[in-house]
Amino acid sequence: MEPFTLLSVGLLGFADAPYDKKLHMMTGAAISLAAQESGLTPLETCLLAFGAGLAKEAWDAAGHGDVELGDVAATAFACQITIRF
């Protein structure tokens, strides 16, 4: 299967996503793109996006918001957009 097909199918799942999830996805993509431009490997960029999602949920768990694992997934999912196949 072509990588673009996988990417397209993955993005279709976020078409009707809540605004919050879209913000998490855009943030994860921006982090991944910046990390990739800094010379990190694709795996490292995905781990960085995942870590950012976890850090945000830790912040929420400390009383600053609602903890949702879907937010971590949305942030980490965005790394696939920036990976060059």
N, C-alpha and C. Protein backbone atom coordinates (compact mmCIF):
# COMPACT_ATOMS: atom_id res chain seq x y z
N MET A 1 0.84 -1.18 0.00
CA MET A 1 0.00 0.00 0.00
C MET A 1 0.89 1.24 0.00
N GLU A 2 0.51 2.21 -0.76
CA GLU A 2 1.28 3.44 -0.86
C GLU A 2 1.20 4.24 0.45
N PRO A 3 2.31 4.85 0.86
CA PRO A 3 2.30 5.65 2.09
C PRO A 3 1.27 6.78 2.04
N PHE A 4 1.08 7.38 0.86
CA PHE A 4 0.10 8.47 0.76
C PHE A 4 -1.30 7.96 1.05
N THR A 5 -1.61 6.73 0.64
CA THR A 5 -2.91 6.14 0.91
C THR A 5 -3.11 5.97 2.41
N LEU A 6 -2.08 5.46 3.08
CA LEU A 6 -2.16 5.30 4.53
C LEU A 6 -2.36 6.65 5.21
N LEU A 7 -1.66 7.65 4.75
CA LEU A 7 -1.78 8.98 5.33
C LEU A 7 -3.18 9.52 5.11
N SER A 8 -3.71 9.36 3.92
CA SER A 8 -5.04 9.86 3.61
C SER A 8 -6.10 9.19 4.47
N VAL A 9 -6.00 7.88 4.63
CA VAL A 9 -6.97 7.16 5.45
C VAL A 9 -6.86 7.63 6.90
N GLY A 10 -5.64 7.84 7.38
CA GLY A 10 -5.45 8.32 8.74
C GLY A 10 -6.04 9.70 8.95
N LEU A 11 -5.89 10.57 7.99
CA LEU A 11 -6.41 11.94 8.12
C LEU A 11 -7.92 11.98 8.04
N LEU A 12 -8.52 11.04 7.32
CA LEU A 12 -9.98 11.02 7.25
C LEU A 12 -10.60 10.81 8.62
N GLY A 13 -9.90 10.11 9.48
CA GLY A 13 -10.40 9.88 10.82
C GLY A 13 -10.48 11.15 11.64
N PHE A 14 -9.72 12.18 11.27
CA PHE A 14 -9.72 13.43 12.01
C PHE A 14 -10.58 14.51 11.35
N ALA A 15 -11.23 14.19 10.26
CA ALA A 15 -12.04 15.20 9.57
C ALA A 15 -13.15 15.75 10.45
N ASP A 16 -13.79 14.88 11.23
CA ASP A 16 -14.88 15.30 12.10
C ASP A 16 -14.44 15.36 13.57
N ALA A 17 -13.16 15.42 13.81
CA ALA A 17 -12.65 15.45 15.17
C ALA A 17 -12.99 16.78 15.84
N PRO A 18 -13.14 16.76 17.16
CA PRO A 18 -13.37 18.02 17.87
C PRO A 18 -12.21 18.99 17.68
N TYR A 19 -12.51 20.26 17.88
CA TYR A 19 -11.51 21.31 17.69
C TYR A 19 -10.27 21.07 18.54
N ASP A 20 -10.46 20.60 19.77
CA ASP A 20 -9.34 20.33 20.67
C ASP A 20 -8.38 19.30 20.08
N LYS A 21 -8.93 18.26 19.48
CA LYS A 21 -8.08 17.21 18.90
C LYS A 21 -7.32 17.75 17.69
N LYS A 22 -7.96 18.63 16.93
CA LYS A 22 -7.28 19.23 15.78
C LYS A 22 -6.12 20.10 16.24
N LEU A 23 -6.31 20.81 17.35
CA LEU A 23 -5.21 21.62 17.89
C LEU A 23 -4.05 20.73 18.34
N HIS A 24 -4.38 19.62 18.98
CA HIS A 24 -3.33 18.68 19.39
C HIS A 24 -2.59 18.14 18.17
N MET A 25 -3.32 17.84 17.12
CA MET A 25 -2.70 17.31 15.91
C MET A 25 -1.80 18.34 15.25
N MET A 26 -2.26 19.58 15.17
CA MET A 26 -1.43 20.63 14.57
C MET A 26 -0.17 20.89 15.40
N THR A 27 -0.31 20.83 16.71
CA THR A 27 0.85 21.02 17.58
C THR A 27 1.85 19.89 17.40
N GLY A 28 1.35 18.66 17.34
CA GLY A 28 2.24 17.51 17.12
C GLY A 28 2.95 17.60 15.78
N ALA A 29 2.25 18.06 14.75
CA ALA A 29 2.87 18.21 13.43
C ALA A 29 3.94 19.29 13.45
N ALA A 30 3.67 20.39 14.15
CA ALA A 30 4.66 21.47 14.23
C ALA A 30 5.90 21.02 14.99
N ILE A 31 5.70 20.28 16.08
CA ILE A 31 6.84 19.77 16.85
C ILE A 31 7.64 18.79 16.00
N SER A 32 6.95 17.90 15.31
CA SER A 32 7.63 16.90 14.48
C SER A 32 8.40 17.55 13.34
N LEU A 33 7.80 18.54 12.71
CA LEU A 33 8.47 19.22 11.61
C LEU A 33 9.71 19.95 12.10
N ALA A 34 9.61 20.66 13.22
CA ALA A 34 10.77 21.36 13.77
C ALA A 34 11.86 20.38 14.16
N ALA A 35 11.47 19.25 14.74
CA ALA A 35 12.46 18.24 15.13
C ALA A 35 13.13 17.63 13.91
N GLN A 36 12.35 17.39 12.87
CA GLN A 36 12.90 16.81 11.65
C GLN A 36 13.87 17.79 10.98
N GLU A 37 13.51 19.06 10.98
CA GLU A 37 14.40 20.07 10.40
C GLU A 37 15.68 20.22 11.21
N SER A 38 15.63 19.84 12.48
CA SER A 38 16.82 19.90 13.34
C SER A 38 17.73 18.69 13.16
N GLY A 39 17.29 17.75 12.33
CA GLY A 39 18.14 16.60 12.03
C GLY A 39 17.80 15.34 12.80
N LEU A 40 16.69 15.32 13.54
CA LEU A 40 16.31 14.11 14.25
C LEU A 40 15.76 13.08 13.28
N THR A 41 15.87 11.82 13.63
CA THR A 41 15.35 10.74 12.79
C THR A 41 13.82 10.72 12.88
N PRO A 42 13.17 10.06 11.93
CA PRO A 42 11.71 9.97 12.00
C PRO A 42 11.20 9.35 13.31
N LEU A 43 11.89 8.35 13.80
CA LEU A 43 11.49 7.74 15.07
C LEU A 43 11.61 8.74 16.21
N GLU A 44 12.70 9.48 16.22
CA GLU A 44 12.89 10.48 17.28
C GLU A 44 11.83 11.58 17.22
N THR A 45 11.44 11.97 16.01
CA THR A 45 10.40 13.00 15.89
C THR A 45 9.07 12.49 16.42
N CYS A 46 8.75 11.24 16.14
CA CYS A 46 7.49 10.67 16.65
C CYS A 46 7.53 10.54 18.16
N LEU A 47 8.65 10.11 18.69
CA LEU A 47 8.78 10.01 20.14
C LEU A 47 8.68 11.38 20.81
N LEU A 48 9.22 12.39 20.16
CA LEU A 48 9.13 13.75 20.70
C LEU A 48 7.68 14.24 20.71
N ALA A 49 6.94 13.99 19.65
CA ALA A 49 5.53 14.37 19.60
C ALA A 49 4.73 13.61 20.66
N PHE A 50 5.02 12.33 20.81
CA PHE A 50 4.35 11.52 21.83
C PHE A 50 4.66 12.05 23.22
N GLY A 51 5.93 12.38 23.46
CA GLY A 51 6.33 12.94 24.75
C GLY A 51 5.66 14.27 25.04
N ALA A 52 5.49 15.08 24.01
CA ALA A 52 4.80 16.36 24.19
C ALA A 52 3.35 16.13 24.58
N GLY A 53 2.72 15.15 23.96
CA GLY A 53 1.34 14.82 24.31
C GLY A 53 1.23 14.32 25.75
N LEU A 54 2.18 13.49 26.16
CA LEU A 54 2.19 13.01 27.54
C LEU A 54 2.43 14.14 28.53
N ALA A 55 3.33 15.04 28.19
CA ALA A 55 3.62 16.18 29.06
C ALA A 55 2.39 17.06 29.23
N LYS A 56 1.66 17.28 28.15
CA LYS A 56 0.44 18.10 28.23
C LYS A 56 -0.60 17.43 29.12
N GLU A 57 -0.74 16.12 29.02
CA GLU A 57 -1.71 15.42 29.86
C GLU A 57 -1.26 15.37 31.31
N ALA A 58 0.04 15.34 31.56
CA ALA A 58 0.55 15.44 32.94
C ALA A 58 0.20 16.81 33.52
N TRP A 59 0.30 17.83 32.69
CA TRP A 59 -0.08 19.19 33.10
C TRP A 59 -1.57 19.22 33.44
N ASP A 60 -2.38 18.61 32.59
CA ASP A 60 -3.81 18.55 32.85
C ASP A 60 -4.11 17.78 34.13
N ALA A 61 -3.39 16.69 34.37
CA ALA A 61 -3.60 15.87 35.56
C ALA A 61 -3.26 16.62 36.84
N ALA A 62 -2.42 17.64 36.72
CA ALA A 62 -2.03 18.43 37.89
C ALA A 62 -3.10 19.47 38.24
N GLY A 63 -4.26 19.38 37.60
CA GLY A 63 -5.35 20.27 37.92
C GLY A 63 -5.56 21.41 36.95
N HIS A 64 -4.91 21.34 35.79
CA HIS A 64 -5.01 22.43 34.83
C HIS A 64 -5.92 22.12 33.66
N GLY A 65 -6.62 21.00 33.70
CA GLY A 65 -7.50 20.63 32.60
C GLY A 65 -8.01 19.22 32.75
N ASP A 66 -8.62 18.72 31.71
CA ASP A 66 -9.17 17.36 31.70
C ASP A 66 -8.19 16.42 31.01
N VAL A 67 -7.90 15.30 31.67
CA VAL A 67 -6.98 14.31 31.10
C VAL A 67 -7.75 13.45 30.09
N GLU A 68 -7.24 13.41 28.87
CA GLU A 68 -7.83 12.59 27.82
C GLU A 68 -6.71 11.91 27.05
N LEU A 69 -6.72 10.59 27.02
CA LEU A 69 -5.69 9.87 26.29
C LEU A 69 -5.81 10.10 24.79
N GLY A 70 -6.99 10.47 24.33
CA GLY A 70 -7.18 10.80 22.93
C GLY A 70 -6.35 12.00 22.51
N ASP A 71 -6.10 12.90 23.46
CA ASP A 71 -5.25 14.06 23.17
C ASP A 71 -3.81 13.62 22.90
N VAL A 72 -3.33 12.66 23.68
CA VAL A 72 -1.98 12.12 23.45
C VAL A 72 -1.91 11.47 22.07
N ALA A 73 -2.94 10.70 21.75
CA ALA A 73 -2.97 10.02 20.46
C ALA A 73 -2.99 11.02 19.31
N ALA A 74 -3.78 12.08 19.45
CA ALA A 74 -3.86 13.08 18.38
C ALA A 74 -2.54 13.80 18.19
N THR A 75 -1.85 14.10 19.29
CA THR A 75 -0.55 14.77 19.20
C THR A 75 0.48 13.86 18.56
N ALA A 76 0.51 12.61 18.99
CA ALA A 76 1.49 11.66 18.45
C ALA A 76 1.17 11.27 17.01
N PHE A 77 -0.11 11.19 16.66
CA PHE A 77 -0.52 10.80 15.31
C PHE A 77 0.06 11.75 14.26
N ALA A 78 0.21 12.99 14.62
CA ALA A 78 0.66 14.00 13.66
C ALA A 78 2.07 13.76 13.15
N CYS A 79 2.86 12.97 13.84
CA CYS A 79 4.23 12.75 13.37
C CYS A 79 4.24 12.02 12.04
N GLN A 80 3.21 11.24 11.75
CA GLN A 80 3.20 10.52 10.46
C GLN A 80 3.04 11.47 9.29
N ILE A 81 2.52 12.65 9.54
CA ILE A 81 2.35 13.62 8.46
C ILE A 81 3.69 14.13 7.98
N THR A 82 4.64 14.28 8.90
CA THR A 82 5.90 14.89 8.56
C THR A 82 6.99 13.90 8.17
N ILE A 83 6.73 12.60 8.33
CA ILE A 83 7.73 11.61 7.95
C ILE A 83 7.84 11.53 6.44
N ARG A 84 9.05 11.60 5.93
CA ARG A 84 9.27 11.48 4.49
C ARG A 84 9.47 10.03 4.14
N PHE A 85 8.60 9.52 3.28
CA PHE A 85 8.66 8.10 2.91
C PHE A 85 9.64 7.87 1.80
